[in-house]
Amino acid sequence: MTGRSSLTVAALCLLLGACASQAPLSNQVLIQGAWRAEFEGQAMTLVYSVSDVTVREFGISFPYEWIDDNHIQLNAMGQQVVSQVEFETPDLMRQVTDGDVQVLERVR
């Protein structure tokens, strides 16, 4: 192997190693963005920022906060609701609230 080939192989190995060793994104990062869901037969778009969720169709926002790595607490009109947040993929989120499961798909 020539010097140039060895250098190219070494660079590729370093690049692949760096990509493979990156930690997966946290739920706090994955939740951000627009999500499509259906509530009681009505399709809605929820837009999550770092600290608020906005129901796009109604133009209303509610604050939320992370209480641990997998649970958010939403303050909706004086009611506090805790939901477990799981990501099957970066584009498919499942929220479980009081045993009810809601599946949301990322809007691109």
PDB file of N, CA and C in Angstrom:
ATOM      1  N   MET A   1       0.848  -1.164   0.000  1.00  0.00           N
ATOM      2  CA  MET A   1       0.000   0.000   0.000  1.00  0.00           C
ATOM      3  C   MET A   1       0.894   1.228   0.000  1.00  0.00           C
ATOM      4  N   THR A   2       0.561   2.186  -0.815  1.00  0.00           N
ATOM      5  CA  THR A   2       1.370   3.402  -0.882  1.00  0.00           C
ATOM      6  C   THR A   2       1.038   4.301   0.297  1.00  0.00           C
ATOM      7  N   GLY A   3       1.871   5.311   0.493  1.00  0.00           N
ATOM      8  CA  GLY A   3       1.654   6.265   1.575  1.00  0.00           C
ATOM      9  C   GLY A   3       0.327   6.989   1.452  1.00  0.00           C
ATOM     10  N   ARG A   4      -0.006   7.352   0.227  1.00  0.00           N
ATOM     11  CA  ARG A   4      -1.262   8.081  -0.013  1.00  0.00           C
ATOM     12  C   ARG A   4      -2.470   7.177   0.281  1.00  0.00           C
ATOM     13  N   SER A   5      -2.417   5.910  -0.124  1.00  0.00           N
ATOM     14  CA  SER A   5      -3.510   4.969   0.126  1.00  0.00           C
ATOM     15  C   SER A   5      -3.679   4.725   1.618  1.00  0.00           C
ATOM     16  N   SER A   6      -2.563   4.587   2.320  1.00  0.00           N
ATOM     17  CA  SER A   6      -2.618   4.370   3.765  1.00  0.00           C
ATOM     18  C   SER A   6      -3.268   5.554   4.464  1.00  0.00           C
ATOM     19  N   LEU A   7      -2.929   6.746   4.018  1.00  0.00           N
ATOM     20  CA  LEU A   7      -3.496   7.958   4.606  1.00  0.00           C
ATOM     21  C   LEU A   7      -5.002   8.030   4.351  1.00  0.00           C
ATOM     22  N   THR A   8      -5.425   7.669   3.150  1.00  0.00           N
ATOM     23  CA  THR A   8      -6.848   7.682   2.807  1.00  0.00           C
ATOM     24  C   THR A   8      -7.611   6.676   3.659  1.00  0.00           C
ATOM     25  N   VAL A   9      -7.075   5.473   3.806  1.00  0.00           N
ATOM     26  CA  VAL A   9      -7.719   4.438   4.619  1.00  0.00           C
ATOM     27  C   VAL A   9      -7.803   4.888   6.072  1.00  0.00           C
ATOM     28  N   ALA A  10      -6.744   5.471   6.590  1.00  0.00           N
ATOM     29  CA  ALA A  10      -6.738   5.947   7.974  1.00  0.00           C
ATOM     30  C   ALA A  10      -7.782   7.043   8.177  1.00  0.00           C
ATOM     31  N   ALA A  11      -7.888   7.957   7.228  1.00  0.00           N
ATOM     32  CA  ALA A  11      -8.866   9.042   7.330  1.00  0.00           C
ATOM     33  C   ALA A  11     -10.290   8.491   7.314  1.00  0.00           C
ATOM     34  N   LEU A  12     -10.549   7.512   6.445  1.00  0.00           N
ATOM     35  CA  LEU A  12     -11.874   6.900   6.387  1.00  0.00           C
ATOM     36  C   LEU A  12     -12.220   6.184   7.688  1.00  0.00           C
ATOM     37  N   CYS A  13     -11.253   5.491   8.262  1.00  0.00           N
ATOM     38  CA  CYS A  13     -11.477   4.790   9.529  1.00  0.00           C
ATOM     39  C   CYS A  13     -11.813   5.781  10.641  1.00  0.00           C
ATOM     40  N   LEU A  14     -11.097   6.894  10.689  1.00  0.00           N
ATOM     41  CA  LEU A  14     -11.372   7.917  11.699  1.00  0.00           C
ATOM     42  C   LEU A  14     -12.767   8.506  11.517  1.00  0.00           C
ATOM     43  N   LEU A  15     -13.140   8.778  10.283  1.00  0.00           N
ATOM     44  CA  LEU A  15     -14.451   9.345   9.996  1.00  0.00           C
ATOM     45  C   LEU A  15     -15.564   8.378  10.392  1.00  0.00           C
ATOM     46  N   LEU A  16     -15.430   7.123  10.025  1.00  0.00           N
ATOM     47  CA  LEU A  16     -16.434   6.121  10.372  1.00  0.00           C
ATOM     48  C   LEU A  16     -16.516   5.924  11.877  1.00  0.00           C
ATOM     49  N   GLY A  17     -15.384   5.924  12.538  1.00  0.00           N
ATOM     50  CA  GLY A  17     -15.363   5.782  13.989  1.00  0.00           C
ATOM     51  C   GLY A  17     -16.042   6.943  14.683  1.00  0.00           C
ATOM     52  N   ALA A  18     -15.817   8.147  14.193  1.00  0.00           N
ATOM     53  CA  ALA A  18     -16.444   9.330  14.780  1.00  0.00           C
ATOM     54  C   ALA A  18     -17.954   9.285  14.599  1.00  0.00           C
ATOM     55  N   CYS A  19     -18.414   8.873  13.439  1.00  0.00           N
ATOM     56  CA  CYS A  19     -19.854   8.791  13.182  1.00  0.00           C
ATOM     57  C   CYS A  19     -20.499   7.710  14.043  1.00  0.00           C
ATOM     58  N   ALA A  20     -19.843   6.594  14.180  1.00  0.00           N
ATOM     59  CA  ALA A  20     -20.400   5.473  14.932  1.00  0.00           C
ATOM     60  C   ALA A  20     -20.436   5.749  16.426  1.00  0.00           C
ATOM     61  N   SER A  21     -19.555   6.608  16.924  1.00  0.00           N
ATOM     62  CA  SER A  21     -19.476   6.833  18.357  1.00  0.00           C
ATOM     63  C   SER A  21     -20.342   7.988  18.829  1.00  0.00           C
ATOM     64  N   GLN A  22     -21.053   8.671  17.933  1.00  0.00           N
ATOM     65  CA  GLN A  22     -21.908   9.767  18.357  1.00  0.00           C
ATOM     66  C   GLN A  22     -23.085   9.222  19.142  1.00  0.00           C
ATOM     67  N   ALA A  23     -23.386   9.891  20.245  1.00  0.00           N
ATOM     68  CA  ALA A  23     -24.497   9.473  21.084  1.00  0.00           C
ATOM     69  C   ALA A  23     -25.818   9.742  20.360  1.00  0.00           C
ATOM     70  N   PRO A  24     -26.818   8.898  20.601  1.00  0.00           N
ATOM     71  CA  PRO A  24     -28.121   9.152  19.988  1.00  0.00           C
ATOM     72  C   PRO A  24     -28.718  10.440  20.548  1.00  0.00           C
ATOM     73  N   LEU A  25     -29.611  11.051  19.775  1.00  0.00           N
ATOM     74  CA  LEU A  25     -30.247  12.281  20.220  1.00  0.00           C
ATOM     75  C   LEU A  25     -31.161  12.003  21.408  1.00  0.00           C
ATOM     76  N   SER A  26     -31.223  12.940  22.325  1.00  0.00           N
ATOM     77  CA  SER A  26     -32.083  12.787  23.497  1.00  0.00           C
ATOM     78  C   SER A  26     -33.542  13.034  23.110  1.00  0.00           C
ATOM     79  N   ASN A  27     -34.449  12.573  23.954  1.00  0.00           N
ATOM     80  CA  ASN A  27     -35.865  12.818  23.718  1.00  0.00           C
ATOM     81  C   ASN A  27     -36.162  14.315  23.691  1.00  0.00           C
ATOM     82  N   GLN A  28     -35.416  15.089  24.507  1.00  0.00           N
ATOM     83  CA  GLN A  28     -35.615  16.535  24.555  1.00  0.00           C
ATOM     84  C   GLN A  28     -35.309  17.187  23.212  1.00  0.00           C
ATOM     85  N   VAL A  29     -34.400  16.613  22.451  1.00  0.00           N
ATOM     86  CA  VAL A  29     -34.075  17.128  21.120  1.00  0.00           C
ATOM     87  C   VAL A  29     -35.039  16.554  20.085  1.00  0.00           C
ATOM     88  N   LEU A  30     -35.315  15.270  20.177  1.00  0.00           N
ATOM     89  CA  LEU A  30     -36.185  14.611  19.191  1.00  0.00           C
ATOM     90  C   LEU A  30     -37.598  15.188  19.157  1.00  0.00           C
ATOM     91  N   ILE A  31     -38.106  15.635  20.296  1.00  0.00           N
ATOM     92  CA  ILE A  31     -39.494  16.103  20.343  1.00  0.00           C
ATOM     93  C   ILE A  31     -39.696  17.416  19.592  1.00  0.00           C
ATOM     94  N   GLN A  32     -38.645  18.188  19.426  1.00  0.00           N
ATOM     95  CA  GLN A  32     -38.784  19.507  18.809  1.00  0.00           C
ATOM     96  C   GLN A  32     -39.175  19.401  17.337  1.00  0.00           C
ATOM     97  N   GLY A  33     -40.133  20.226  16.950  1.00  0.00           N
ATOM     98  CA  GLY A  33     -40.604  20.237  15.572  1.00  0.00           C
ATOM     99  C   GLY A  33     -42.104  20.019  15.498  1.00  0.00           C
ATOM    100  N   ALA A  34     -42.596  19.799  14.291  1.00  0.00           N
ATOM    101  CA  ALA A  34     -44.031  19.641  14.041  1.00  0.00           C
ATOM    102  C   ALA A  34     -44.404  18.162  13.986  1.00  0.00           C
ATOM    103  N   TRP A  35     -45.527  17.829  14.612  1.00  0.00           N
ATOM    104  CA  TRP A  35     -46.015  16.462  14.691  1.00  0.00           C
ATOM    105  C   TRP A  35     -47.492  16.422  14.330  1.00  0.00           C
ATOM    106  N   ARG A  36     -47.882  15.417  13.577  1.00  0.00           N
ATOM    107  CA  ARG A  36     -49.271  15.231  13.160  1.00  0.00           C
ATOM    108  C   ARG A  36     -49.890  14.160  14.045  1.00  0.00           C
ATOM    109  N   ALA A  37     -51.088  14.454  14.558  1.00  0.00           N
ATOM    110  CA  ALA A  37     -51.785  13.507  15.419  1.00  0.00           C
ATOM    111  C   ALA A  37     -53.278  13.601  15.150  1.00  0.00           C
ATOM    112  N   GLU A  38     -53.998  12.636  15.665  1.00  0.00           N
ATOM    113  CA  GLU A  38     -55.449  12.654  15.558  1.00  0.00           C
ATOM    114  C   GLU A  38     -56.030  12.565  16.960  1.00  0.00           C
ATOM    115  N   PHE A  39     -56.882  13.520  17.301  1.00  0.00           N
ATOM    116  CA  PHE A  39     -57.532  13.552  18.602  1.00  0.00           C
ATOM    117  C   PHE A  39     -59.036  13.531  18.387  1.00  0.00           C
ATOM    118  N   GLU A  40     -59.674  12.483  18.885  1.00  0.00           N
ATOM    119  CA  GLU A  40     -61.118  12.327  18.769  1.00  0.00           C
ATOM    120  C   GLU A  40     -61.595  12.526  17.330  1.00  0.00           C
ATOM    121  N   GLY A  41     -60.860  11.936  16.387  1.00  0.00           N
ATOM    122  CA  GLY A  41     -61.236  11.972  14.983  1.00  0.00           C
ATOM    123  C   GLY A  41     -60.821  13.212  14.221  1.00  0.00           C
ATOM    124  N   GLN A  42     -60.173  14.154  14.892  1.00  0.00           N
ATOM    125  CA  GLN A  42     -59.753  15.391  14.227  1.00  0.00           C
ATOM    126  C   GLN A  42     -58.229  15.432  14.113  1.00  0.00           C
ATOM    127  N   ALA A  43     -57.739  15.631  12.887  1.00  0.00           N
ATOM    128  CA  ALA A  43     -56.293  15.724  12.667  1.00  0.00           C
ATOM    129  C   ALA A  43     -55.793  17.085  13.135  1.00  0.00           C
ATOM    130  N   MET A  44     -54.647  17.067  13.820  1.00  0.00           N
ATOM    131  CA  MET A  44     -54.042  18.298  14.328  1.00  0.00           C
ATOM    132  C   MET A  44     -52.541  18.242  14.156  1.00  0.00           C
ATOM    133  N   THR A  45     -51.946  19.421  14.102  1.00  0.00           N
ATOM    134  CA  THR A  45     -50.497  19.539  14.064  1.00  0.00           C
ATOM    135  C   THR A  45     -50.037  20.185  15.362  1.00  0.00           C
ATOM    136  N   LEU A  46     -49.182  19.486  16.074  1.00  0.00           N
ATOM    137  CA  LEU A  46     -48.594  20.006  17.306  1.00  0.00           C
ATOM    138  C   LEU A  46     -47.161  20.397  17.012  1.00  0.00           C
ATOM    139  N   VAL A  47     -46.786  21.601  17.410  1.00  0.00           N
ATOM    140  CA  VAL A  47     -45.428  22.079  17.183  1.00  0.00           C
ATOM    141  C   VAL A  47     -44.761  22.249  18.543  1.00  0.00           C
ATOM    142  N   TYR A  48     -43.739  21.421  18.788  1.00  0.00           N
ATOM    143  CA  TYR A  48     -43.008  21.458  20.050  1.00  0.00           C
ATOM    144  C   TYR A  48     -41.760  22.312  19.907  1.00  0.00           C
ATOM    145  N   SER A  49     -41.623  23.289  20.807  1.00  0.00           N
ATOM    146  CA  SER A  49     -40.370  24.036  20.931  1.00  0.00           C
ATOM    147  C   SER A  49     -39.669  23.479  22.166  1.00  0.00           C
ATOM    148  N   VAL A  50     -38.688  24.177  22.656  1.00  0.00           N
ATOM    149  CA  VAL A  50     -37.959  23.707  23.839  1.00  0.00           C
ATOM    150  C   VAL A  50     -38.864  23.681  25.070  1.00  0.00           C
ATOM    151  N   SER A  51     -39.825  24.608  25.167  1.00  0.00           N
ATOM    152  CA  SER A  51     -40.621  24.708  26.389  1.00  0.00           C
ATOM    153  C   SER A  51     -42.132  24.839  26.174  1.00  0.00           C
ATOM    154  N   ASP A  52     -42.581  24.882  24.918  1.00  0.00           N
ATOM    155  CA  ASP A  52     -44.011  25.043  24.635  1.00  0.00           C
ATOM    156  C   ASP A  52     -44.446  24.089  23.537  1.00  0.00           C
ATOM    157  N   VAL A  53     -45.732  23.748  23.567  1.00  0.00           N
ATOM    158  CA  VAL A  53     -46.335  23.010  22.461  1.00  0.00           C
ATOM    159  C   VAL A  53     -47.491  23.864  21.943  1.00  0.00           C
ATOM    160  N   THR A  54     -47.525  24.056  20.634  1.00  0.00           N
ATOM    161  CA  THR A  54     -48.556  24.872  19.997  1.00  0.00           C
ATOM    162  C   THR A  54     -49.450  23.980  19.148  1.00  0.00           C
ATOM    163  N   VAL A  55     -50.755  24.140  19.320  1.00  0.00           N
ATOM    164  CA  VAL A  55     -51.714  23.456  18.458  1.00  0.00           C
ATOM    165  C   VAL A  55     -51.933  24.390  17.275  1.00  0.00           C
ATOM    166  N   ARG A  56     -51.312  24.056  16.163  1.00  0.00           N
ATOM    167  CA  ARG A  56     -51.273  24.952  15.005  1.00  0.00           C
ATOM    168  C   ARG A  56     -52.679  25.357  14.534  1.00  0.00           C
ATOM    169  N   GLU A  57     -53.597  24.417  14.480  1.00  0.00           N
ATOM    170  CA  GLU A  57     -54.939  24.696  13.963  1.00  0.00           C
ATOM    171  C   GLU A  57     -55.716  25.691  14.823  1.00  0.00           C
ATOM    172  N   PHE A  58     -55.397  25.751  16.113  1.00  0.00           N
ATOM    173  CA  PHE A  58     -56.114  26.653  17.015  1.00  0.00           C
ATOM    174  C   PHE A  58     -55.278  27.854  17.437  1.00  0.00           C
ATOM    175  N   GLY A  59     -53.993  27.823  17.132  1.00  0.00           N
ATOM    176  CA  GLY A  59     -53.127  28.936  17.490  1.00  0.00           C
ATOM    177  C   GLY A  59     -52.945  29.119  18.986  1.00  0.00           C
ATOM    178  N   ILE A  60     -53.060  28.032  19.744  1.00  0.00           N
ATOM    179  CA  ILE A  60     -52.863  28.129  21.191  1.00  0.00           C
ATOM    180  C   ILE A  60     -51.623  27.347  21.596  1.00  0.00           C
ATOM    181  N   SER A  61     -50.963  27.844  22.634  1.00  0.00           N
ATOM    182  CA  SER A  61     -49.740  27.209  23.131  1.00  0.00           C
ATOM    183  C   SER A  61     -49.889  26.884  24.604  1.00  0.00           C
ATOM    184  N   PHE A  62     -49.206  25.820  24.996  1.00  0.00           N
ATOM    185  CA  PHE A  62     -49.170  25.417  26.393  1.00  0.00           C
ATOM    186  C   PHE A  62     -47.724  25.150  26.782  1.00  0.00           C
ATOM    187  N   PRO A  63     -47.328  25.577  27.975  1.00  0.00           N
ATOM    188  CA  PRO A  63     -45.967  25.270  28.418  1.00  0.00           C
ATOM    189  C   PRO A  63     -45.862  23.803  28.841  1.00  0.00           C
ATOM    190  N   TYR A  64     -44.684  23.255  28.648  1.00  0.00           N
ATOM    191  CA  TYR A  64     -44.404  21.916  29.160  1.00  0.00           C
ATOM    192  C   TYR A  64     -42.978  21.899  29.674  1.00  0.00           C
ATOM    193  N   GLU A  65     -42.688  20.910  30.503  1.00  0.00           N
ATOM    194  CA  GLU A  65     -41.324  20.736  30.993  1.00  0.00           C
ATOM    195  C   GLU A  65     -41.035  19.253  31.131  1.00  0.00           C
ATOM    196  N   TRP A  66     -39.763  18.927  31.010  1.00  0.00           N
ATOM    197  CA  TRP A  66     -39.327  17.541  31.189  1.00  0.00           C
ATOM    198  C   TRP A  66     -39.168  17.295  32.678  1.00  0.00           C
ATOM    199  N   ILE A  67     -39.783  16.209  33.183  1.00  0.00           N
ATOM    200  CA  ILE A  67     -39.605  15.877  34.590  1.00  0.00           C
ATOM    201  C   ILE A  67     -38.579  14.759  34.765  1.00  0.00           C
ATOM    202  N   ASP A  68     -38.275  14.052  33.695  1.00  0.00           N
ATOM    203  CA  ASP A  68     -37.135  13.135  33.622  1.00  0.00           C
ATOM    204  C   ASP A  68     -36.876  12.884  32.138  1.00  0.00           C
ATOM    205  N   ASP A  69     -36.044  11.916  31.813  1.00  0.00           N
ATOM    206  CA  ASP A  69     -35.668  11.693  30.412  1.00  0.00           C
ATOM    207  C   ASP A  69     -36.822  11.241  29.521  1.00  0.00           C
ATOM    208  N   ASN A  70     -37.883  10.693  30.115  1.00  0.00           N
ATOM    209  CA  ASN A  70     -38.960  10.103  29.319  1.00  0.00           C
ATOM    210  C   ASN A  70     -40.353  10.645  29.619  1.00  0.00           C
ATOM    211  N   HIS A  71     -40.459  11.656  30.472  1.00  0.00           N
ATOM    212  CA  HIS A  71     -41.774  12.171  30.848  1.00  0.00           C
ATOM    213  C   HIS A  71     -41.816  13.691  30.755  1.00  0.00           C
ATOM    214  N   ILE A  72     -42.922  14.183  30.181  1.00  0.00           N
ATOM    215  CA  ILE A  72     -43.151  15.624  30.160  1.00  0.00           C
ATOM    216  C   ILE A  72     -44.389  15.930  30.990  1.00  0.00           C
ATOM    217  N   GLN A  73     -44.379  17.132  31.555  1.00  0.00           N
ATOM    218  CA  GLN A  73     -45.545  17.627  32.277  1.00  0.00           C
ATOM    219  C   GLN A  73     -46.061  18.837  31.521  1.00  0.00           C
ATOM    220  N   LEU A  74     -47.294  18.750  31.077  1.00  0.00           N
ATOM    221  CA  LEU A  74     -47.927  19.800  30.289  1.00  0.00           C
ATOM    222  C   LEU A  74     -48.893  20.553  31.184  1.00  0.00           C
ATOM    223  N   ASN A  75     -48.851  21.887  31.114  1.00  0.00           N
ATOM    224  CA  ASN A  75     -49.795  22.714  31.853  1.00  0.00           C
ATOM    225  C   ASN A  75     -50.805  23.264  30.856  1.00  0.00           C
ATOM    226  N   ALA A  76     -51.971  22.613  30.784  1.00  0.00           N
ATOM    227  CA  ALA A  76     -52.999  22.999  29.817  1.00  0.00           C
ATOM    228  C   ALA A  76     -54.183  23.610  30.555  1.00  0.00           C
ATOM    229  N   MET A  77     -54.286  24.916  30.480  1.00  0.00           N
ATOM    230  CA  MET A  77     -55.392  25.653  31.090  1.00  0.00           C
ATOM    231  C   MET A  77     -55.579  25.288  32.559  1.00  0.00           C
ATOM    232  N   GLY A  78     -54.493  25.290  33.302  1.00  0.00           N
ATOM    233  CA  GLY A  78     -54.550  25.030  34.730  1.00  0.00           C
ATOM    234  C   GLY A  78     -54.487  23.568  35.117  1.00  0.00           C
ATOM    235  N   GLN A  79     -54.606  22.676  34.163  1.00  0.00           N
ATOM    236  CA  GLN A  79     -54.501  21.248  34.453  1.00  0.00           C
ATOM    237  C   GLN A  79     -53.100  20.770  34.114  1.00  0.00           C
ATOM    238  N   GLN A  80     -52.512  20.017  35.019  1.00  0.00           N
ATOM    239  CA  GLN A  80     -51.192  19.461  34.750  1.00  0.00           C
ATOM    240  C   GLN A  80     -51.345  18.003  34.351  1.00  0.00           C
ATOM    241  N   VAL A  81     -50.775  17.679  33.201  1.00  0.00           N
ATOM    242  CA  VAL A  81     -50.868  16.334  32.641  1.00  0.00           C
ATOM    243  C   VAL A  81     -49.458  15.812  32.430  1.00  0.00           C
ATOM    244  N   VAL A  82     -49.199  14.596  32.891  1.00  0.00           N
ATOM    245  CA  VAL A  82     -47.890  13.966  32.704  1.00  0.00           C
ATOM    246  C   VAL A  82     -48.026  12.885  31.642  1.00  0.00           C
ATOM    247  N   SER A  83     -47.124  12.918  30.662  1.00  0.00           N
ATOM    248  CA  SER A  83     -47.117  11.926  29.584  1.00  0.00           C
ATOM    249  C   SER A  83     -45.748  11.282  29.474  1.00  0.00           C
ATOM    250  N   GLN A  84     -45.747   9.975  29.247  1.00  0.00           N
ATOM    251  CA  GLN A  84     -44.512   9.270  28.924  1.00  0.00           C
ATOM    252  C   GLN A  84     -44.272   9.447  27.435  1.00  0.00           C
ATOM    253  N   VAL A  85     -43.042   9.777  27.065  1.00  0.00           N
ATOM    254  CA  VAL A  85     -42.689  10.033  25.669  1.00  0.00           C
ATOM    255  C   VAL A  85     -41.701   8.971  25.208  1.00  0.00           C
ATOM    256  N   GLU A  86     -42.035   8.290  24.103  1.00  0.00           N
ATOM    257  CA  GLU A  86     -41.156   7.272  23.523  1.00  0.00           C
ATOM    258  C   GLU A  86     -41.027   7.543  22.033  1.00  0.00           C
ATOM    259  N   PHE A  87     -39.863   7.263  21.495  1.00  0.00           N
ATOM    260  CA  PHE A  87     -39.644   7.413  20.057  1.00  0.00           C
ATOM    261  C   PHE A  87     -39.322   6.056  19.463  1.00  0.00           C
ATOM    262  N   GLU A  88     -40.217   5.554  18.608  1.00  0.00           N
ATOM    263  CA  GLU A  88     -39.945   4.310  17.891  1.00  0.00           C
ATOM    264  C   GLU A  88     -38.885   4.566  16.831  1.00  0.00           C
ATOM    265  N   THR A  89     -38.992   5.725  16.187  1.00  0.00           N
ATOM    266  CA  THR A  89     -38.001   6.221  15.232  1.00  0.00           C
ATOM    267  C   THR A  89     -37.955   7.732  15.442  1.00  0.00           C
ATOM    268  N   PRO A  90     -36.997   8.432  14.865  1.00  0.00           N
ATOM    269  CA  PRO A  90     -36.994   9.896  15.000  1.00  0.00           C
ATOM    270  C   PRO A  90     -38.246  10.562  14.417  1.00  0.00           C
ATOM    271  N   ASP A  91     -39.014   9.839  13.597  1.00  0.00           N
ATOM    272  CA  ASP A  91     -40.207  10.410  12.973  1.00  0.00           C
ATOM    273  C   ASP A  91     -41.515   9.832  13.504  1.00  0.00           C
ATOM    274  N   LEU A  92     -41.443   8.996  14.541  1.00  0.00           N
ATOM    275  CA  LEU A  92     -42.640   8.382  15.102  1.00  0.00           C
ATOM    276  C   LEU A  92     -42.555   8.431  16.629  1.00  0.00           C
ATOM    277  N   MET A  93     -43.441   9.236  17.220  1.00  0.00           N
ATOM    278  CA  MET A  93     -43.444   9.425  18.667  1.00  0.00           C
ATOM    279  C   MET A  93     -44.712   8.812  19.246  1.00  0.00           C
ATOM    280  N   ARG A  94     -44.549   8.212  20.411  1.00  0.00           N
ATOM    281  CA  ARG A  94     -45.683   7.646  21.136  1.00  0.00           C
ATOM    282  C   ARG A  94     -45.736   8.348  22.494  1.00  0.00           C
ATOM    283  N   GLN A  95     -46.919   8.864  22.835  1.00  0.00           N
ATOM    284  CA  GLN A  95     -47.124   9.468  24.146  1.00  0.00           C
ATOM    285  C   GLN A  95     -48.188   8.670  24.878  1.00  0.00           C
ATOM    286  N   VAL A  96     -47.888   8.315  26.122  1.00  0.00           N
ATOM    287  CA  VAL A  96     -48.826   7.561  26.944  1.00  0.00           C
ATOM    288  C   VAL A  96     -49.224   8.446  28.120  1.00  0.00           C
ATOM    289  N   THR A  97     -50.528   8.705  28.225  1.00  0.00           N
ATOM    290  CA  THR A  97     -51.064   9.558  29.282  1.00  0.00           C
ATOM    291  C   THR A  97     -52.218   8.827  29.947  1.00  0.00           C
ATOM    292  N   ASP A  98     -52.074   8.537  31.228  1.00  0.00           N
ATOM    293  CA  ASP A  98     -53.122   7.824  31.968  1.00  0.00           C
ATOM    294  C   ASP A  98     -53.596   6.575  31.234  1.00  0.00           C
ATOM    295  N   GLY A  99     -52.667   5.845  30.628  1.00  0.00           N
ATOM    296  CA  GLY A  99     -52.988   4.607  29.928  1.00  0.00           C
ATOM    297  C   GLY A  99     -53.435   4.782  28.485  1.00  0.00           C
ATOM    298  N   ASP A 100     -53.752   6.004  28.080  1.00  0.00           N
ATOM    299  CA  ASP A 100     -54.138   6.266  26.689  1.00  0.00           C
ATOM    300  C   ASP A 100     -52.891   6.488  25.852  1.00  0.00           C
ATOM    301  N   VAL A 101     -52.838   5.841  24.686  1.00  0.00           N
ATOM    302  CA  VAL A 101     -51.672   5.932  23.806  1.00  0.00           C
ATOM    303  C   VAL A 101     -52.009   6.817  22.612  1.00  0.00           C
ATOM    304  N   GLN A 102     -51.140   7.771  22.348  1.00  0.00           N
ATOM    305  CA  GLN A 102     -51.279   8.654  21.189  1.00  0.00           C
ATOM    306  C   GLN A 102     -50.028   8.499  20.333  1.00  0.00           C
ATOM    307  N   VAL A 103     -50.199   8.207  19.046  1.00  0.00           N
ATOM    308  CA  VAL A 103     -49.071   8.071  18.127  1.00  0.00           C
ATOM    309  C   VAL A 103     -49.028   9.315  17.250  1.00  0.00           C
ATOM    310  N   LEU A 104     -47.853   9.935  17.175  1.00  0.00           N
ATOM    311  CA  LEU A 104     -47.672  11.150  16.388  1.00  0.00           C
ATOM    312  C   LEU A 104     -46.604  10.912  15.337  1.00  0.00           C
ATOM    313  N   GLU A 105     -46.819  11.475  14.157  1.00  0.00           N
ATOM    314  CA  GLU A 105     -45.847  11.362  13.064  1.00  0.00           C
ATOM    315  C   GLU A 105     -45.263  12.734  12.773  1.00  0.00           C
ATOM    316  N   ARG A 106     -43.949  12.773  12.602  1.00  0.00           N
ATOM    317  CA  ARG A 106     -43.275  14.042  12.321  1.00  0.00           C
ATOM    318  C   ARG A 106     -43.737  14.596  10.977  1.00  0.00           C
ATOM    319  N   VAL A 107     -43.940  15.908  10.941  1.00  0.00           N
ATOM    320  CA  VAL A 107     -44.301  16.614   9.715  1.00  0.00           C
ATOM    321  C   VAL A 107     -43.024  17.190   9.139  1.00  0.00           C
ATOM    322  N   ARG A 108     -42.744  16.877   7.894  1.00  0.00           N
ATOM    323  CA  ARG A 108     -41.528  17.388   7.234  1.00  0.00           C
ATOM    324  C   ARG A 108     -41.889  18.473   6.267  1.00  0.00           C
TER     325      ARG A 108
END
